[in-house]
C-alpha atoms as a PDB file:
ATOM      1  CA  UNK A   1      61.768 256.012 171.062  1.00  0.00           C
ATOM      2  CA  UNK A   2      61.620 254.776 167.392  1.00  0.00           C
ATOM      3  CA  UNK A   3      63.357 252.002 165.657  1.00  0.00           C
ATOM      4  CA  UNK A   4      63.662 251.336 161.747  1.00  0.00           C
ATOM      5  CA  UNK A   5      65.828 248.278 161.097  1.00  0.00           C
ATOM      6  CA  UNK A   6      69.083 248.852 162.536  1.00  0.00           C
ATOM      7  CA  UNK A   7      68.492 252.378 163.418  1.00  0.00           C
ATOM      8  CA  UNK A   8      67.350 253.437 166.857  1.00  0.00           C
ATOM      9  CA  UNK A   9      66.200 257.057 167.298  1.00  0.00           C
ATOM     10  CA  UNK A  10      65.851 258.332 170.823  1.00  0.00           C
ATOM     11  CA  UNK A  11      64.347 261.795 171.816  1.00  0.00           C
ATOM     12  CA  UNK A  12      66.584 263.869 173.906  1.00  0.00           C
ATOM     13  CA  UNK A  13      66.258 267.296 175.448  1.00  0.00           C
ATOM     14  CA  UNK A  14      68.069 269.958 173.282  1.00  0.00           C
ATOM     15  CA  UNK A  15      70.098 271.039 176.328  1.00  0.00           C
ATOM     16  CA  UNK A  16      71.548 267.440 176.515  1.00  0.00           C
ATOM     17  CA  UNK A  17      73.253 267.831 173.076  1.00  0.00           C
ATOM     18  CA  UNK A  18      77.007 268.139 173.587  1.00  0.00           C
ATOM     19  CA  UNK A  19      78.462 271.671 172.645  1.00  0.00           C
ATOM     20  CA  UNK A  20      80.973 269.594 170.539  1.00  0.00           C
ATOM     21  CA  UNK A  21      78.272 268.180 168.432  1.00  0.00           C
ATOM     22  CA  UNK A  22      76.667 271.738 167.811  1.00  0.00           C
ATOM     23  CA  UNK A  23      80.194 272.865 166.481  1.00  0.00           C
ATOM     24  CA  UNK A  24      80.153 270.032 163.895  1.00  0.00           C
ATOM     25  CA  UNK A  25      79.061 271.032 160.244  1.00  0.00           C
ATOM     26  CA  UNK A  26      75.713 269.427 159.350  1.00  0.00           C
ATOM     27  CA  UNK A  27      75.752 266.420 157.084  1.00  0.00           C
ATOM     28  CA  UNK A  28      75.251 267.403 153.520  1.00  0.00           C
ATOM     29  CA  UNK A  29      72.160 266.106 151.690  1.00  0.00           C
ATOM     30  CA  UNK A  30      72.469 263.380 149.178  1.00  0.00           C
ATOM     31  CA  UNK A  31      71.881 263.882 145.303  1.00  0.00           C
ATOM     32  CA  UNK A  32      68.185 263.134 145.991  1.00  0.00           C
ATOM     33  CA  UNK A  33      67.851 265.958 148.529  1.00  0.00           C
ATOM     34  CA  UNK A  34      67.665 263.435 151.537  1.00  0.00           C
ATOM     35  CA  UNK A  35      69.303 263.632 154.864  1.00  0.00           C
ATOM     36  CA  UNK A  36      70.777 260.058 155.103  1.00  0.00           C
ATOM     37  CA  UNK A  37      71.025 258.694 158.569  1.00  0.00           C
ATOM     38  CA  UNK A  38      72.609 255.256 157.492  1.00  0.00           C
ATOM     39  CA  UNK A  39      73.404 253.822 154.074  1.00  0.00           C
ATOM     40  CA  UNK A  40      73.213 250.016 153.455  1.00  0.00           C
ATOM     41  CA  UNK A  41      76.640 248.996 152.148  1.00  0.00           C
ATOM     42  CA  UNK A  42      75.324 245.850 150.262  1.00  0.00           C
ATOM     43  CA  UNK A  43      71.998 247.167 149.199  1.00  0.00           C
ATOM     44  CA  UNK A  44      72.428 250.908 148.736  1.00  0.00           C
ATOM     45  CA  UNK A  45      69.156 251.310 150.627  1.00  0.00           C
ATOM     46  CA  UNK A  46      68.939 254.189 153.081  1.00  0.00           C
ATOM     47  CA  UNK A  47      67.353 255.273 156.298  1.00  0.00           C
ATOM     48  CA  UNK A  48      66.668 258.871 155.193  1.00  0.00           C
ATOM     49  CA  UNK A  49      64.693 261.973 155.897  1.00  0.00           C
ATOM     50  CA  UNK A  50      63.057 263.458 152.947  1.00  0.00           C
ATOM     51  CA  UNK A  51      61.945 266.939 154.512  1.00  0.00           C
ATOM     52  CA  UNK A  52      63.567 269.445 156.554  1.00  0.00           C
ATOM     53  CA  UNK A  53      66.077 268.357 159.223  1.00  0.00           C
ATOM     54  CA  UNK A  54      69.565 268.552 160.224  1.00  0.00           C
ATOM     55  CA  UNK A  55      71.959 265.608 161.041  1.00  0.00           C
ATOM     56  CA  UNK A  56      75.228 266.076 163.087  1.00  0.00           C
ATOM     57  CA  UNK A  57      77.429 263.134 162.502  1.00  0.00           C
ATOM     58  CA  UNK A  58      80.116 262.596 165.416  1.00  0.00           C
ATOM     59  CA  UNK A  59      83.621 261.595 164.155  1.00  0.00           C
ATOM     60  CA  UNK A  60      83.567 258.360 166.370  1.00  0.00           C
ATOM     61  CA  UNK A  61      81.845 255.544 164.413  1.00  0.00           C
ATOM     62  CA  UNK A  62      80.393 253.902 167.736  1.00  0.00           C
ATOM     63  CA  UNK A  63      79.098 257.333 168.990  1.00  0.00           C
ATOM     64  CA  UNK A  64      75.517 258.408 168.408  1.00  0.00           C
ATOM     65  CA  UNK A  65      74.625 261.010 165.766  1.00  0.00           C
ATOM     66  CA  UNK A  66      72.293 263.851 166.646  1.00  0.00           C
ATOM     67  CA  UNK A  67      69.224 264.884 164.477  1.00  0.00           C
ATOM     68  CA  UNK A  68      67.399 268.198 164.843  1.00  0.00           C
ATOM     69  CA  UNK A  69      63.952 268.346 163.394  1.00  0.00           C
ATOM     70  CA  UNK A  70      62.378 272.006 163.689  1.00  0.00           C
ATOM     71  CA  UNK A  71      59.140 270.878 162.212  1.00  0.00           C
ATOM     72  CA  UNK A  72      59.144 267.149 162.541  1.00  0.00           C
ATOM     73  CA  UNK A  73      59.964 264.719 159.757  1.00  0.00           C
ATOM     74  CA  UNK A  74      59.336 261.500 157.966  1.00  0.00           C
ATOM     75  CA  UNK A  75      61.913 258.714 158.058  1.00  0.00           C
ATOM     76  CA  UNK A  76      61.786 256.329 155.084  1.00  0.00           C
ATOM     77  CA  UNK A  77      63.622 253.361 153.887  1.00  0.00           C
ATOM     78  CA  UNK A  78      63.115 251.003 150.825  1.00  0.00           C
ATOM     79  CA  UNK A  79      62.434 247.812 153.090  1.00  0.00           C
ATOM     80  CA  UNK A  80      60.670 249.397 156.131  1.00  0.00           C
ATOM     81  CA  UNK A  81      57.497 251.404 156.762  1.00  0.00           C
ATOM     82  CA  UNK A  82      58.005 255.138 157.098  1.00  0.00           C
ATOM     83  CA  UNK A  83      58.077 256.753 160.552  1.00  0.00           C
ATOM     84  CA  UNK A  84      56.689 260.072 161.271  1.00  0.00           C
ATOM     85  CA  UNK A  85      58.934 261.978 163.913  1.00  0.00           C
ATOM     86  CA  UNK A  86      57.839 265.027 165.963  1.00  0.00           C
ATOM     87  CA  UNK A  87      59.780 268.213 166.155  1.00  0.00           C
ATOM     88  CA  UNK A  88      62.857 268.000 168.480  1.00  0.00           C
ATOM     89  CA  UNK A  89      66.263 266.662 169.057  1.00  0.00           C
ATOM     90  CA  UNK A  90      67.057 262.939 168.730  1.00  0.00           C
ATOM     91  CA  UNK A  91      69.988 260.661 169.128  1.00  0.00           C
ATOM     92  CA  UNK A  92      70.535 258.335 166.293  1.00  0.00           C
ATOM     93  CA  UNK A  93      72.153 254.916 167.232  1.00  0.00           C
ATOM     94  CA  UNK A  94      73.304 252.311 164.853  1.00  0.00           C
ATOM     95  CA  UNK A  95      72.758 248.709 165.941  1.00  0.00           C
ATOM     96  CA  UNK A  96      75.900 247.071 166.837  1.00  0.00           C
ATOM     97  CA  UNK A  97      77.291 243.553 166.577  1.00  0.00           C
ATOM     98  CA  UNK A  98      79.962 241.724 168.662  1.00  0.00           C
ATOM     99  CA  UNK A  99      82.942 240.427 166.556  1.00  0.00           C
ATOM    100  CA  UNK A 100      84.255 237.545 168.622  1.00  0.00           C
ATOM    101  CA  UNK A 101      87.396 237.127 166.485  1.00  0.00           C
ATOM    102  CA  UNK A 102      88.707 240.579 167.422  1.00  0.00           C
ATOM    103  CA  UNK A 103      86.699 241.208 170.699  1.00  0.00           C
ATOM    104  CA  UNK A 104      85.314 244.317 169.359  1.00  0.00           C
ATOM    105  CA  UNK A 105      82.000 245.837 168.299  1.00  0.00           C
ATOM    106  CA  UNK A 106      81.069 247.177 165.013  1.00  0.00           C
ATOM    107  CA  UNK A 107      77.976 248.940 163.424  1.00  0.00           C
ATOM    108  CA  UNK A 108      75.759 246.450 161.809  1.00  0.00           C
ATOM    109  CA  UNK A 109      75.759 246.914 157.959  1.00  0.00           C
ATOM    110  CA  UNK A 110      73.092 245.519 155.574  1.00  0.00           C
END
């Protein structure tokens, strides 16, 4: 299990990836060629992969995304140390915060 700021990355067996996720189009790389797992709304900083890898983003904002790294990868962020990930499948979970006024949860945004 890996954590970088408000992002939690959990290894999962490829057989556990829902077929509905595999039917999704992969997330496009940004203008810098990165796969962005999460983008800071206030800072513009990003949790991003700079090498090969495929991210499948589920349409429900509170559901985990899925990341496939066929060769492993390196997760970088402007304010956190880099993390080297092995090859495999991963769930990508955004940290959540409780909003008492609306009795709901939302993804943490920096």
